[in-house]
Protein backbone atom coordinates (compact mmCIF):
# COMPACT_ATOMS: atom_id res chain seq x y z
CA MET A 1 -0.08 0.18 0.33
CA TYR A 2 0.91 3.59 -0.40
CA ASP A 3 0.72 6.69 1.29
CA ILE A 4 0.37 9.93 -0.62
CA LYS A 5 -0.16 12.06 2.14
CA LYS A 6 2.96 10.90 4.29
CA ALA A 7 4.98 11.36 0.69
CA ILE A 8 3.48 15.06 0.63
CA LYS A 9 4.18 15.80 4.05
CA SER A 10 7.43 14.18 3.95
CA ARG A 11 8.68 16.62 1.17
CA GLY A 12 7.57 19.66 3.29
CA TYR A 13 4.05 20.44 1.35
CA THR A 14 0.63 20.53 2.62
CA LEU A 15 -2.01 18.87 0.80
CA GLN A 16 -3.82 21.97 0.42
CA TYR A 17 -0.88 23.20 -1.84
CA VAL A 18 -0.87 20.14 -3.89
CA ALA A 19 -4.78 20.34 -4.44
CA ASP A 20 -4.09 24.19 -5.62
CA GLU A 21 -1.30 23.01 -7.87
CA LEU A 22 -3.86 20.54 -9.38
CA ASP A 23 -6.66 22.75 -9.40
CA ILE A 24 -9.08 21.12 -7.50
CA LYS A 25 -10.80 21.71 -3.99
CA LEU A 26 -9.33 19.52 -1.04
CA PRO A 27 -12.03 17.36 -0.44
CA SER A 28 -12.03 15.98 -3.61
CA LEU A 29 -7.74 15.45 -3.56
CA SER A 30 -8.35 13.49 -0.08
CA GLN A 31 -11.27 11.68 -1.36
CA GLN A 32 -9.13 10.34 -4.00
CA ILE A 33 -6.57 9.30 -1.92
CA THR A 34 -8.46 7.68 0.58
CA ASP A 35 -10.47 5.62 -2.23
CA ASN A 36 -7.42 5.12 -3.42
CA THR A 37 -9.22 6.19 -7.38
CA MET A 38 -6.78 8.04 -8.57
CA SER A 39 -5.20 7.30 -11.86
CA ILE A 40 -1.75 7.38 -13.09
CA LYS A 41 -1.86 10.41 -14.75
CA ARG A 42 -2.72 12.47 -11.49
CA LEU A 43 -0.17 10.23 -9.39
CA GLN A 44 2.22 11.46 -12.26
CA GLU A 45 0.87 15.17 -11.93
CA ILE A 46 1.57 14.97 -7.88
CA ALA A 47 4.91 13.79 -8.67
CA ASP A 48 5.95 16.25 -10.35
CA ILE A 49 4.76 18.69 -8.28
CA LEU A 50 6.61 17.18 -5.33
CA SER A 51 9.76 17.02 -7.83
CA CYS A 52 9.90 13.15 -7.30
CA PRO A 53 9.82 9.95 -8.98
CA LEU A 54 6.73 8.72 -9.54
CA THR A 55 7.65 5.17 -7.57
CA ASP A 56 8.31 7.35 -4.58
CA LEU A 57 4.15 7.64 -4.29
CA LEU A 58 3.78 4.08 -5.23
CA ALA A 59 5.45 2.19 -2.42
CA ASP A 60 6.84 2.96 0.80
CA ALA A 61 9.69 1.28 2.26
CA ASP A 62 8.29 -1.87 3.48
CA ASP A 63 6.17 -2.75 0.89
CA THR A 64 7.33 -2.77 -3.55
CA SER A 65 4.07 -3.59 -4.77
CA ILE A 66 1.05 -1.69 -5.25
CA THR A 67 -2.81 -2.46 -6.08
CA LEU A 68 -5.00 0.13 -8.19
CA THR A 69 -8.26 0.19 -9.30
CA CYS A 70 -9.28 2.05 -12.57
CA PRO A 71 -11.98 4.57 -11.79
CA HIS A 72 -13.04 3.95 -15.21
CA CYS A 73 -13.56 0.04 -16.02
CA LYS A 74 -13.09 -0.69 -12.03
CA ARG A 75 -10.63 -3.42 -12.91
CA THR A 76 -7.52 -4.05 -10.71
CA ILE A 77 -4.40 -3.43 -11.36
CA HIS A 78 -1.19 -4.65 -9.85
CA LEU A 79 2.05 -3.00 -10.12
CA GLN A 80 5.40 -3.99 -8.64
CA VAL A 81 8.15 -1.42 -7.99
CA ILE A 82 11.57 -2.78 -8.74
CA ASN A 83 14.73 -1.34 -7.49
CA GLN A 84 17.66 -1.34 -10.19
CA ASP A 85 20.17 0.32 -7.94
């Protein structure tokens, strides 16, 4: 599981700042995060705002996989983060 709120706060930003940058309301952003209904495009936009790689939003240090639900077709998408160091 991933924690976008933690990633935002750890970089010194607030959810309100990110919502403003995305031109959406804070409750909408919070709901997308809570419901795990964020598109990859939206995740990439957040990563760009935070100046971090998308993978930083997809997995925490203890987990290398993530499951997303497509907001359009409701299919489950499983992603595995591979560290290429």
